[in-house]
């Protein structure tokens, strides 16, 4: 065996220890780099996921608050005004929604839901009477279709679909709106049922004599063109935005006003009671606006004793 100086042996051991220490240091450095890379990858991946989720949520929120767009022509305030000869007061000549129309005619304002049984009862009792007043020029009527009962038709949202159909008529055939309003009540389904299908609504609407732009109305009903607008108007009304009224809270449907005064429904609903209210609201005591036949067979507005 060759004898080596003790110093050489110690130096060799120190070199080996230093080499081992450096290898360990390099291994630790590489491990830290791998860990930092893994953390960075996880952070980037998580960031991508969060960004994608935030984008989806933003798109959903934007879509949910997207404005409904312009409503139908002739319904700037959510209702359509019907005047003499049952003709619509078109957008260009539509008066502001006030208690009276300024002409001396009685102004009747109605908020109705086509799925509301009480609305149907009011229409049955007073529809012909209101028609005679409006046709003669003794009154005007503002009709506001709303959808307050959309959750009572087994998920079909019949109230909303029926009100949309009425809005389609206001846009495309306004002079037949009064007749379509009556037709929708004539076909009113029972509350709690699924209501009419879109095809049945279309048949009820397009069956009205004199209807114009039938294909456009049919498409409007099928595509639910004004459903979002109806929903927004309904929300506004139930929140207290009630054109033609000084009310600050919506009492529910039907809401009927005569010259701005609210008509309190009776049970049962009768035409005699409503006639009396019209007399009072019009400022009369013994007479009510009714159509009187003229010598030519037409009708002209006149105040004659109520029977």
C-alpha atoms as a PDB file:
ATOM      1  CA  UNK A   1       0.000   0.000   0.000  1.00  0.00           C
ATOM      2  CA  UNK A   2       1.262   3.421  -0.835  1.00  0.00           C
ATOM      3  CA  UNK A   3       1.352   5.844   2.011  1.00  0.00           C
ATOM      4  CA  UNK A   4      -0.160   9.262   1.205  1.00  0.00           C
ATOM      5  CA  UNK A   5       0.318  12.399   3.161  1.00  0.00           C
ATOM      6  CA  UNK A   6      -2.533  13.114   5.537  1.00  0.00           C
ATOM      7  CA  UNK A   7      -3.077  16.489   3.927  1.00  0.00           C
ATOM      8  CA  UNK A   8      -3.739  14.943   0.535  1.00  0.00           C
ATOM      9  CA  UNK A   9      -6.352  12.590   2.005  1.00  0.00           C
ATOM     10  CA  UNK A  10      -8.140  15.434   3.765  1.00  0.00           C
ATOM     11  CA  UNK A  11      -8.111  17.547   0.607  1.00  0.00           C
ATOM     12  CA  UNK A  12      -9.635  14.706  -1.388  1.00  0.00           C
ATOM     13  CA  UNK A  13     -12.397  14.267   1.133  1.00  0.00           C
ATOM     14  CA  UNK A  14     -13.099  17.990   1.086  1.00  0.00           C
ATOM     15  CA  UNK A  15     -13.284  17.955  -2.685  1.00  0.00           C
ATOM     16  CA  UNK A  16     -15.747  15.062  -2.620  1.00  0.00           C
ATOM     17  CA  UNK A  17     -17.890  16.811  -0.017  1.00  0.00           C
ATOM     18  CA  UNK A  18     -17.823  20.024  -2.028  1.00  0.00           C
ATOM     19  CA  UNK A  19     -18.760  18.182  -5.183  1.00  0.00           C
ATOM     20  CA  UNK A  20     -21.615  16.434  -3.366  1.00  0.00           C
ATOM     21  CA  UNK A  21     -22.748  19.756  -1.908  1.00  0.00           C
ATOM     22  CA  UNK A  22     -22.770  21.367  -5.337  1.00  0.00           C
ATOM     23  CA  UNK A  23     -24.724  18.458  -6.820  1.00  0.00           C
ATOM     24  CA  UNK A  24     -27.251  18.749  -4.005  1.00  0.00           C
ATOM     25  CA  UNK A  25     -27.484  22.500  -4.543  1.00  0.00           C
ATOM     26  CA  UNK A  26     -28.048  22.022  -8.270  1.00  0.00           C
ATOM     27  CA  UNK A  27     -30.718  19.416  -7.548  1.00  0.00           C
ATOM     28  CA  UNK A  28     -32.478  21.776  -5.126  1.00  0.00           C
ATOM     29  CA  UNK A  29     -32.304  24.595  -7.657  1.00  0.00           C
ATOM     30  CA  UNK A  30     -33.781  22.418 -10.399  1.00  0.00           C
ATOM     31  CA  UNK A  31     -36.537  21.235  -8.051  1.00  0.00           C
ATOM     32  CA  UNK A  32     -37.419  24.809  -7.139  1.00  0.00           C
ATOM     33  CA  UNK A  33     -37.519  25.722 -10.826  1.00  0.00           C
ATOM     34  CA  UNK A  34     -39.837  22.813 -11.540  1.00  0.00           C
ATOM     35  CA  UNK A  35     -42.068  23.822  -8.646  1.00  0.00           C
ATOM     36  CA  UNK A  36     -42.136  27.459  -9.770  1.00  0.00           C
ATOM     37  CA  UNK A  37     -43.005  26.322 -13.294  1.00  0.00           C
ATOM     38  CA  UNK A  38     -45.781  24.104 -11.971  1.00  0.00           C
ATOM     39  CA  UNK A  39     -47.191  26.905  -9.833  1.00  0.00           C
ATOM     40  CA  UNK A  40     -46.998  29.326 -12.754  1.00  0.00           C
ATOM     41  CA  UNK A  41     -48.752  26.810 -15.002  1.00  0.00           C
ATOM     42  CA  UNK A  42     -51.486  26.301 -12.431  1.00  0.00           C
ATOM     43  CA  UNK A  43     -51.888  30.034 -11.975  1.00  0.00           C
ATOM     44  CA  UNK A  44     -52.088  30.599 -15.734  1.00  0.00           C
ATOM     45  CA  UNK A  45     -54.575  27.751 -16.123  1.00  0.00           C
ATOM     46  CA  UNK A  46     -56.679  29.001 -13.227  1.00  0.00           C
ATOM     47  CA  UNK A  47     -56.556  32.503 -14.650  1.00  0.00           C
ATOM     48  CA  UNK A  48     -57.769  31.277 -18.020  1.00  0.00           C
ATOM     49  CA  UNK A  49     -60.626  29.384 -16.350  1.00  0.00           C
ATOM     50  CA  UNK A  50     -61.601  32.394 -14.245  1.00  0.00           C
ATOM     51  CA  UNK A  51     -61.404  34.705 -17.246  1.00  0.00           C
ATOM     52  CA  UNK A  52     -63.607  32.373 -19.265  1.00  0.00           C
ATOM     53  CA  UNK A  53     -66.102  32.129 -16.400  1.00  0.00           C
ATOM     54  CA  UNK A  54     -66.133  35.903 -15.972  1.00  0.00           C
ATOM     55  CA  UNK A  55     -66.710  36.334 -19.707  1.00  0.00           C
ATOM     56  CA  UNK A  56     -69.660  33.925 -19.627  1.00  0.00           C
ATOM     57  CA  UNK A  57     -71.180  35.652 -16.590  1.00  0.00           C
ATOM     58  CA  UNK A  58     -70.718  39.047 -18.239  1.00  0.00           C
ATOM     59  CA  UNK A  59     -72.383  37.880 -21.433  1.00  0.00           C
ATOM     60  CA  UNK A  60     -75.301  36.438 -19.463  1.00  0.00           C
ATOM     61  CA  UNK A  61     -75.705  39.637 -17.461  1.00  0.00           C
ATOM     62  CA  UNK A  62     -75.443  41.810 -20.554  1.00  0.00           C
ATOM     63  CA  UNK A  63     -78.051  39.679 -22.304  1.00  0.00           C
ATOM     64  CA  UNK A  64     -80.344  39.803 -19.290  1.00  0.00           C
ATOM     65  CA  UNK A  65     -80.268  43.607 -19.074  1.00  0.00           C
ATOM     66  CA  UNK A  66     -80.277  44.211 -22.821  1.00  0.00           C
ATOM     67  CA  UNK A  67     -83.014  46.729 -23.629  1.00  0.00           C
ATOM     68  CA  UNK A  68     -86.113  45.288 -25.247  1.00  0.00           C
ATOM     69  CA  UNK A  69     -85.824  47.756 -28.093  1.00  0.00           C
ATOM     70  CA  UNK A  70     -88.578  50.020 -29.371  1.00  0.00           C
ATOM     71  CA  UNK A  71     -92.115  48.946 -28.688  1.00  0.00           C
ATOM     72  CA  UNK A  72     -94.875  48.715 -31.262  1.00  0.00           C
ATOM     73  CA  UNK A  73     -96.031  51.759 -33.137  1.00  0.00           C
ATOM     74  CA  UNK A  74     -98.935  53.580 -31.486  1.00  0.00           C
ATOM     75  CA  UNK A  75     -98.059  52.242 -28.008  1.00  0.00           C
ATOM     76  CA  UNK A  76     -95.353  54.661 -26.896  1.00  0.00           C
ATOM     77  CA  UNK A  77     -96.622  54.656 -23.308  1.00  0.00           C
ATOM     78  CA  UNK A  78     -97.583  50.985 -23.248  1.00  0.00           C
ATOM     79  CA  UNK A  79    -101.178  51.496 -24.371  1.00  0.00           C
ATOM     80  CA  UNK A  80    -103.046  52.275 -27.562  1.00  0.00           C
ATOM     81  CA  UNK A  81    -105.690  55.016 -27.787  1.00  0.00           C
ATOM     82  CA  UNK A  82    -108.913  54.160 -29.631  1.00  0.00           C
ATOM     83  CA  UNK A  83    -111.167  57.002 -30.724  1.00  0.00           C
ATOM     84  CA  UNK A  84    -114.267  57.702 -32.797  1.00  0.00           C
ATOM     85  CA  UNK A  85    -115.295  54.995 -35.266  1.00  0.00           C
ATOM     86  CA  UNK A  86    -113.090  52.657 -33.226  1.00  0.00           C
ATOM     87  CA  UNK A  87    -110.051  53.961 -35.078  1.00  0.00           C
ATOM     88  CA  UNK A  88    -106.663  54.083 -33.393  1.00  0.00           C
ATOM     89  CA  UNK A  89    -105.127  57.430 -32.598  1.00  0.00           C
ATOM     90  CA  UNK A  90    -101.836  56.808 -34.387  1.00  0.00           C
ATOM     91  CA  UNK A  91     -98.422  57.665 -33.043  1.00  0.00           C
ATOM     92  CA  UNK A  92     -98.203  60.965 -34.934  1.00  0.00           C
ATOM     93  CA  UNK A  93    -101.371  62.262 -33.311  1.00  0.00           C
ATOM     94  CA  UNK A  94    -101.365  60.383 -30.028  1.00  0.00           C
ATOM     95  CA  UNK A  95    -102.038  62.618 -27.025  1.00  0.00           C
ATOM     96  CA  UNK A  96     -99.992  62.411 -23.881  1.00  0.00           C
ATOM     97  CA  UNK A  97    -101.349  59.860 -21.376  1.00  0.00           C
ATOM     98  CA  UNK A  98    -103.352  62.177 -19.155  1.00  0.00           C
ATOM     99  CA  UNK A  99    -106.632  61.727 -17.311  1.00  0.00           C
ATOM    100  CA  UNK A 100    -108.603  63.412 -20.122  1.00  0.00           C
ATOM    101  CA  UNK A 101    -107.897  63.833 -23.800  1.00  0.00           C
ATOM    102  CA  UNK A 102    -108.748  67.546 -23.867  1.00  0.00           C
ATOM    103  CA  UNK A 103    -111.597  67.167 -26.351  1.00  0.00           C
ATOM    104  CA  UNK A 104    -114.398  66.949 -23.807  1.00  0.00           C
ATOM    105  CA  UNK A 105    -114.849  63.245 -24.461  1.00  0.00           C
ATOM    106  CA  UNK A 106    -114.696  60.903 -21.508  1.00  0.00           C
ATOM    107  CA  UNK A 107    -111.305  59.198 -21.316  1.00  0.00           C
ATOM    108  CA  UNK A 108    -111.377  55.561 -20.232  1.00  0.00           C
ATOM    109  CA  UNK A 109    -108.064  53.881 -19.401  1.00  0.00           C
ATOM    110  CA  UNK A 110    -107.791  50.140 -18.911  1.00  0.00           C
ATOM    111  CA  UNK A 111    -104.912  47.889 -17.834  1.00  0.00           C
ATOM    112  CA  UNK A 112    -105.835  44.319 -18.715  1.00  0.00           C
ATOM    113  CA  UNK A 113    -104.342  40.837 -18.721  1.00  0.00           C
ATOM    114  CA  UNK A 114    -105.891  38.462 -21.247  1.00  0.00           C
ATOM    115  CA  UNK A 115    -105.588  35.592 -18.733  1.00  0.00           C
ATOM    116  CA  UNK A 116    -107.353  37.510 -15.936  1.00  0.00           C
ATOM    117  CA  UNK A 117    -110.871  36.137 -15.251  1.00  0.00           C
ATOM    118  CA  UNK A 118    -112.051  39.409 -13.715  1.00  0.00           C
ATOM    119  CA  UNK A 119    -110.815  41.272 -16.791  1.00  0.00           C
ATOM    120  CA  UNK A 120    -112.923  38.904 -18.863  1.00  0.00           C
ATOM    121  CA  UNK A 121    -115.956  39.518 -16.654  1.00  0.00           C
ATOM    122  CA  UNK A 122    -115.526  43.285 -16.982  1.00  0.00           C
ATOM    123  CA  UNK A 123    -115.251  42.954 -20.759  1.00  0.00           C
ATOM    124  CA  UNK A 124    -118.364  40.820 -20.925  1.00  0.00           C
ATOM    125  CA  UNK A 125    -120.387  43.262 -18.822  1.00  0.00           C
ATOM    126  CA  UNK A 126    -119.114  46.524 -20.283  1.00  0.00           C
ATOM    127  CA  UNK A 127    -117.426  45.857 -23.623  1.00  0.00           C
ATOM    128  CA  UNK A 128    -120.467  46.731 -25.737  1.00  0.00           C
ATOM    129  CA  UNK A 129    -121.152  49.859 -23.688  1.00  0.00           C
ATOM    130  CA  UNK A 130    -117.561  51.096 -24.023  1.00  0.00           C
ATOM    131  CA  UNK A 131    -117.659  50.290 -27.727  1.00  0.00           C
ATOM    132  CA  UNK A 132    -120.785  52.429 -28.206  1.00  0.00           C
ATOM    133  CA  UNK A 133    -119.244  55.375 -26.350  1.00  0.00           C
ATOM    134  CA  UNK A 134    -115.974  55.215 -28.263  1.00  0.00           C
ATOM    135  CA  UNK A 135    -117.531  54.534 -31.659  1.00  0.00           C
ATOM    136  CA  UNK A 136    -119.754  57.597 -31.288  1.00  0.00           C
ATOM    137  CA  UNK A 137    -116.965  59.876 -30.121  1.00  0.00           C
ATOM    138  CA  UNK A 138    -118.427  60.314 -26.634  1.00  0.00           C
ATOM    139  CA  UNK A 139    -115.319  58.646 -25.171  1.00  0.00           C
ATOM    140  CA  UNK A 140    -111.839  57.465 -25.986  1.00  0.00           C
ATOM    141  CA  UNK A 141    -110.296  54.338 -24.500  1.00  0.00           C
ATOM    142  CA  UNK A 142    -106.648  53.610 -23.777  1.00  0.00           C
ATOM    143  CA  UNK A 143    -105.979  49.874 -23.579  1.00  0.00           C
ATOM    144  CA  UNK A 144    -102.754  48.706 -21.893  1.00  0.00           C
ATOM    145  CA  UNK A 145    -102.140  44.956 -22.256  1.00  0.00           C
ATOM    146  CA  UNK A 146     -99.926  43.675 -19.426  1.00  0.00           C
ATOM    147  CA  UNK A 147     -98.696  40.228 -18.429  1.00  0.00           C
ATOM    148  CA  UNK A 148     -99.097  39.995 -14.673  1.00  0.00           C
ATOM    149  CA  UNK A 149    -100.272  36.372 -14.696  1.00  0.00           C
ATOM    150  CA  UNK A 150     -97.577  34.757 -16.840  1.00  0.00           C
ATOM    151  CA  UNK A 151     -96.715  32.294 -14.071  1.00  0.00           C
ATOM    152  CA  UNK A 152    -100.223  30.817 -13.915  1.00  0.00           C
ATOM    153  CA  UNK A 153    -100.350  28.927 -17.203  1.00  0.00           C
ATOM    154  CA  UNK A 154     -98.298  25.797 -16.545  1.00  0.00           C
ATOM    155  CA  UNK A 155     -95.109  27.406 -17.780  1.00  0.00           C
ATOM    156  CA  UNK A 156     -96.418  28.540 -21.179  1.00  0.00           C
ATOM    157  CA  UNK A 157     -96.512  32.246 -20.239  1.00  0.00           C
ATOM    158  CA  UNK A 158     -99.884  32.683 -21.889  1.00  0.00           C
ATOM    159  CA  UNK A 159    -100.375  36.218 -20.522  1.00  0.00           C
ATOM    160  CA  UNK A 160     -97.116  37.335 -22.108  1.00  0.00           C
ATOM    161  CA  UNK A 161     -97.839  35.651 -25.438  1.00  0.00           C
ATOM    162  CA  UNK A 162    -101.362  37.085 -25.645  1.00  0.00           C
ATOM    163  CA  UNK A 163    -100.164  40.599 -24.786  1.00  0.00           C
ATOM    164  CA  UNK A 164     -97.433  40.232 -27.415  1.00  0.00           C
ATOM    165  CA  UNK A 165    -100.110  39.355 -29.984  1.00  0.00           C
ATOM    166  CA  UNK A 166    -102.054  42.492 -29.067  1.00  0.00           C
ATOM    167  CA  UNK A 167     -98.873  44.551 -29.470  1.00  0.00           C
ATOM    168  CA  UNK A 168     -98.333  42.990 -32.899  1.00  0.00           C
ATOM    169  CA  UNK A 169    -101.808  44.191 -33.932  1.00  0.00           C
ATOM    170  CA  UNK A 170    -101.149  47.683 -32.564  1.00  0.00           C
ATOM    171  CA  UNK A 171     -98.061  47.824 -34.757  1.00  0.00           C
ATOM    172  CA  UNK A 172     -99.444  46.364 -37.982  1.00  0.00           C
ATOM    173  CA  UNK A 173    -103.233  46.863 -37.918  1.00  0.00           C
ATOM    174  CA  UNK A 174    -104.064  49.434 -35.224  1.00  0.00           C
ATOM    175  CA  UNK A 175    -107.598  50.182 -36.435  1.00  0.00           C
ATOM    176  CA  UNK A 176    -108.591  46.586 -35.657  1.00  0.00           C
ATOM    177  CA  UNK A 177    -107.078  46.638 -32.180  1.00  0.00           C
ATOM    178  CA  UNK A 178    -110.382  47.168 -30.384  1.00  0.00           C
ATOM    179  CA  UNK A 179    -111.913  44.159 -32.182  1.00  0.00           C
ATOM    180  CA  UNK A 180    -108.845  42.012 -31.508  1.00  0.00           C
ATOM    181  CA  UNK A 181    -108.964  42.961 -27.835  1.00  0.00           C
ATOM    182  CA  UNK A 182    -112.567  41.712 -27.711  1.00  0.00           C
ATOM    183  CA  UNK A 183    -111.644  38.553 -29.644  1.00  0.00           C
ATOM    184  CA  UNK A 184    -108.870  37.644 -27.205  1.00  0.00           C
ATOM    185  CA  UNK A 185    -111.306  37.941 -24.308  1.00  0.00           C
ATOM    186  CA  UNK A 186    -113.926  35.942 -26.225  1.00  0.00           C
ATOM    187  CA  UNK A 187    -111.375  33.112 -26.501  1.00  0.00           C
ATOM    188  CA  UNK A 188    -110.040  33.544 -22.955  1.00  0.00           C
ATOM    189  CA  UNK A 189    -108.883  30.202 -21.494  1.00  0.00           C
ATOM    190  CA  UNK A 190    -109.418  29.227 -17.879  1.00  0.00           C
ATOM    191  CA  UNK A 191    -106.744  30.348 -15.473  1.00  0.00           C
ATOM    192  CA  UNK A 192    -104.486  27.511 -14.351  1.00  0.00           C
ATOM    193  CA  UNK A 193    -104.552  25.858 -17.776  1.00  0.00           C
ATOM    194  CA  UNK A 194    -101.789  26.101 -20.352  1.00  0.00           C
ATOM    195  CA  UNK A 195    -103.820  28.691 -22.238  1.00  0.00           C
ATOM    196  CA  UNK A 196    -104.007  28.932 -26.000  1.00  0.00           C
ATOM    197  CA  UNK A 197    -101.148  27.844 -28.220  1.00  0.00           C
ATOM    198  CA  UNK A 198     -99.491  30.389 -30.491  1.00  0.00           C
ATOM    199  CA  UNK A 199    -101.392  28.855 -33.398  1.00  0.00           C
ATOM    200  CA  UNK A 200    -104.700  29.296 -31.557  1.00  0.00           C
ATOM    201  CA  UNK A 201    -103.838  32.876 -30.642  1.00  0.00           C
ATOM    202  CA  UNK A 202    -102.991  33.535 -34.281  1.00  0.00           C
ATOM    203  CA  UNK A 203    -106.332  32.122 -35.444  1.00  0.00           C
ATOM    204  CA  UNK A 204    -108.228  34.245 -32.911  1.00  0.00           C
ATOM    205  CA  UNK A 205    -106.402  37.395 -34.009  1.00  0.00           C
ATOM    206  CA  UNK A 206    -106.396  36.842 -37.766  1.00  0.00           C
ATOM    207  CA  UNK A 207    -110.062  35.857 -37.672  1.00  0.00           C
ATOM    208  CA  UNK A 208    -110.981  39.489 -36.995  1.00  0.00           C
ATOM    209  CA  UNK A 209    -112.640  41.121 -39.987  1.00  0.00           C
ATOM    210  CA  UNK A 210    -110.640  43.822 -41.742  1.00  0.00           C
ATOM    211  CA  UNK A 211    -107.296  42.874 -40.206  1.00  0.00           C
ATOM    212  CA  UNK A 212    -104.368  44.254 -42.175  1.00  0.00           C
ATOM    213  CA  UNK A 213    -100.877  42.804 -42.699  1.00  0.00           C
ATOM    214  CA  UNK A 214    -101.926  39.312 -41.608  1.00  0.00           C
ATOM    215  CA  UNK A 215     -98.630  37.676 -42.556  1.00  0.00           C
ATOM    216  CA  UNK A 216     -96.631  40.277 -40.619  1.00  0.00           C
ATOM    217  CA  UNK A 217     -98.861  39.819 -37.570  1.00  0.00           C
ATOM    218  CA  UNK A 218     -98.575  36.030 -37.808  1.00  0.00           C
ATOM    219  CA  UNK A 219     -94.774  36.269 -37.941  1.00  0.00           C
ATOM    220  CA  UNK A 220     -94.770  38.759 -35.052  1.00  0.00           C
ATOM    221  CA  UNK A 221     -96.803  36.342 -32.910  1.00  0.00           C
ATOM    222  CA  UNK A 222     -94.637  33.348 -33.815  1.00  0.00           C
ATOM    223  CA  UNK A 223     -91.375  35.176 -33.137  1.00  0.00           C
ATOM    224  CA  UNK A 224     -92.657  36.836 -29.937  1.00  0.00           C
ATOM    225  CA  UNK A 225     -91.368  40.117 -31.312  1.00  0.00           C
ATOM    226  CA  UNK A 226     -92.658  42.265 -28.459  1.00  0.00           C
ATOM    227  CA  UNK A 227     -92.565  39.785 -25.570  1.00  0.00           C
ATOM    228  CA  UNK A 228     -89.533  41.394 -23.938  1.00  0.00           C
ATOM    229  CA  UNK A 229     -91.075  44.836 -24.393  1.00  0.00           C
ATOM    230  CA  UNK A 230     -94.336  43.620 -22.792  1.00  0.00           C
ATOM    231  CA  UNK A 231     -92.348  42.158 -19.908  1.00  0.00           C
ATOM    232  CA  UNK A 232     -90.515  45.455 -19.351  1.00  0.00           C
ATOM    233  CA  UNK A 233     -93.738  47.464 -19.523  1.00  0.00           C
ATOM    234  CA  UNK A 234     -95.419  45.078 -17.071  1.00  0.00           C
ATOM    235  CA  UNK A 235     -92.532  45.485 -14.638  1.00  0.00           C
ATOM    236  CA  UNK A 236     -92.710  49.269 -14.958  1.00  0.00           C
ATOM    237  CA  UNK A 237     -96.465  49.306 -14.355  1.00  0.00           C
ATOM    238  CA  UNK A 238     -96.306  47.007 -11.329  1.00  0.00           C
ATOM    239  CA  UNK A 239     -93.501  49.202  -9.969  1.00  0.00           C
ATOM    240  CA  UNK A 240     -95.845  52.211 -10.074  1.00  0.00           C
ATOM    241  CA  UNK A 241     -95.265  53.743 -13.515  1.00  0.00           C
ATOM    242  CA  UNK A 242     -98.943  53.959 -14.531  1.00  0.00           C
ATOM    243  CA  UNK A 243     -99.526  56.406 -17.423  1.00  0.00           C
ATOM    244  CA  UNK A 244    -102.920  58.103 -17.353  1.00  0.00           C
ATOM    245  CA  UNK A 245    -103.167  57.778 -13.591  1.00  0.00           C
ATOM    246  CA  UNK A 246    -102.012  59.533 -10.452  1.00  0.00           C
ATOM    247  CA  UNK A 247    -101.724  56.181  -8.667  1.00  0.00           C
ATOM    248  CA  UNK A 248     -98.354  55.380  -7.171  1.00  0.00           C
ATOM    249  CA  UNK A 249     -99.041  51.690  -6.616  1.00  0.00           C
ATOM    250  CA  UNK A 250    -100.522  49.277  -9.093  1.00  0.00           C
ATOM    251  CA  UNK A 251    -103.635  47.643  -7.568  1.00  0.00           C
ATOM    252  CA  UNK A 252    -103.717  44.765 -10.029  1.00  0.00           C
ATOM    253  CA  UNK A 253    -105.793  43.878 -13.065  1.00  0.00           C
ATOM    254  CA  UNK A 254    -108.177  44.963 -14.262  1.00  0.00           C
ATOM    255  CA  UNK A 255    -107.389  48.574 -13.508  1.00  0.00           C
ATOM    256  CA  UNK A 256    -110.078  50.810 -15.009  1.00  0.00           C
ATOM    257  CA  UNK A 257    -109.978  54.595 -14.819  1.00  0.00           C
ATOM    258  CA  UNK A 258    -112.454  57.167 -16.105  1.00  0.00           C
ATOM    259  CA  UNK A 259    -111.018  60.661 -16.444  1.00  0.00           C
ATOM    260  CA  UNK A 260    -108.252  59.525 -14.108  1.00  0.00           C
ATOM    261  CA  UNK A 261    -110.585  58.239 -11.386  1.00  0.00           C
ATOM    262  CA  UNK A 262    -110.250  54.590 -10.450  1.00  0.00           C
ATOM    263  CA  UNK A 263    -113.333  52.425 -10.845  1.00  0.00           C
ATOM    264  CA  UNK A 264    -113.811  50.091  -7.876  1.00  0.00           C
ATOM    265  CA  UNK A 265    -115.059  46.775  -9.204  1.00  0.00           C
ATOM    266  CA  UNK A 266    -118.295  45.399  -7.835  1.00  0.00           C
ATOM    267  CA  UNK A 267    -119.249  41.790  -7.313  1.00  0.00           C
ATOM    268  CA  UNK A 268    -120.874  40.840  -9.523  1.00  0.00           C
ATOM    269  CA  UNK A 269    -119.613  43.261 -12.149  1.00  0.00           C
ATOM    270  CA  UNK A 270    -122.558  45.045 -13.780  1.00  0.00           C
ATOM    271  CA  UNK A 271    -122.938  47.516 -16.575  1.00  0.00           C
ATOM    272  CA  UNK A 272    -125.386  49.610 -14.540  1.00  0.00           C
ATOM    273  CA  UNK A 273    -122.751  50.219 -11.874  1.00  0.00           C
ATOM    274  CA  UNK A 274    -120.107  51.165 -14.416  1.00  0.00           C
ATOM    275  CA  UNK A 275    -122.505  53.502 -16.231  1.00  0.00           C
ATOM    276  CA  UNK A 276    -123.169  55.287 -12.941  1.00  0.00           C
ATOM    277  CA  UNK A 277    -119.451  55.650 -12.354  1.00  0.00           C
ATOM    278  CA  UNK A 278    -118.939  57.092 -15.842  1.00  0.00           C
ATOM    279  CA  UNK A 279    -121.652  59.660 -15.100  1.00  0.00           C
ATOM    280  CA  UNK A 280    -119.946  60.682 -11.872  1.00  0.00           C
ATOM    281  CA  UNK A 281    -116.460  60.766 -13.307  1.00  0.00           C
ATOM    282  CA  UNK A 282    -117.638  62.796 -16.288  1.00  0.00           C
ATOM    283  CA  UNK A 283    -118.985  65.424 -13.922  1.00  0.00           C
ATOM    284  CA  UNK A 284    -122.660  64.693 -14.724  1.00  0.00           C
ATOM    285  CA  UNK A 285    -125.362  63.988 -12.179  1.00  0.00           C
ATOM    286  CA  UNK A 286    -128.297  62.666 -14.164  1.00  0.00           C
ATOM    287  CA  UNK A 287    -126.845  61.843 -17.556  1.00  0.00           C
ATOM    288  CA  UNK A 288    -124.156  59.662 -19.014  1.00  0.00           C
ATOM    289  CA  UNK A 289    -122.438  59.896 -22.380  1.00  0.00           C
ATOM    290  CA  UNK A 290    -124.254  57.549 -24.750  1.00  0.00           C
ATOM    291  CA  UNK A 291    -124.510  57.356 -28.516  1.00  0.00           C
ATOM    292  CA  UNK A 292    -127.710  58.825 -29.964  1.00  0.00           C
ATOM    293  CA  UNK A 293    -128.889  57.875 -33.479  1.00  0.00           C
ATOM    294  CA  UNK A 294    -128.851  60.771 -35.894  1.00  0.00           C
ATOM    295  CA  UNK A 295    -131.340  61.388 -38.675  1.00  0.00           C
ATOM    296  CA  UNK A 296    -129.011  59.642 -41.117  1.00  0.00           C
ATOM    297  CA  UNK A 297    -128.768  56.524 -39.030  1.00  0.00           C
ATOM    298  CA  UNK A 298    -125.250  57.186 -37.726  1.00  0.00           C
ATOM    299  CA  UNK A 299    -124.484  57.928 -34.119  1.00  0.00           C
ATOM    300  CA  UNK A 300    -123.286  61.132 -32.570  1.00  0.00           C
ATOM    301  CA  UNK A 301    -122.116  61.681 -28.989  1.00  0.00           C
ATOM    302  CA  UNK A 302    -124.819  62.927 -26.717  1.00  0.00           C
ATOM    303  CA  UNK A 303    -125.611  62.956 -23.018  1.00  0.00           C
ATOM    304  CA  UNK A 304    -128.907  61.213 -22.505  1.00  0.00           C
ATOM    305  CA  UNK A 305    -130.464  59.881 -19.326  1.00  0.00           C
ATOM    306  CA  UNK A 306    -128.998  56.594 -18.211  1.00  0.00           C
ATOM    307  CA  UNK A 307    -131.433  53.702 -18.162  1.00  0.00           C
END
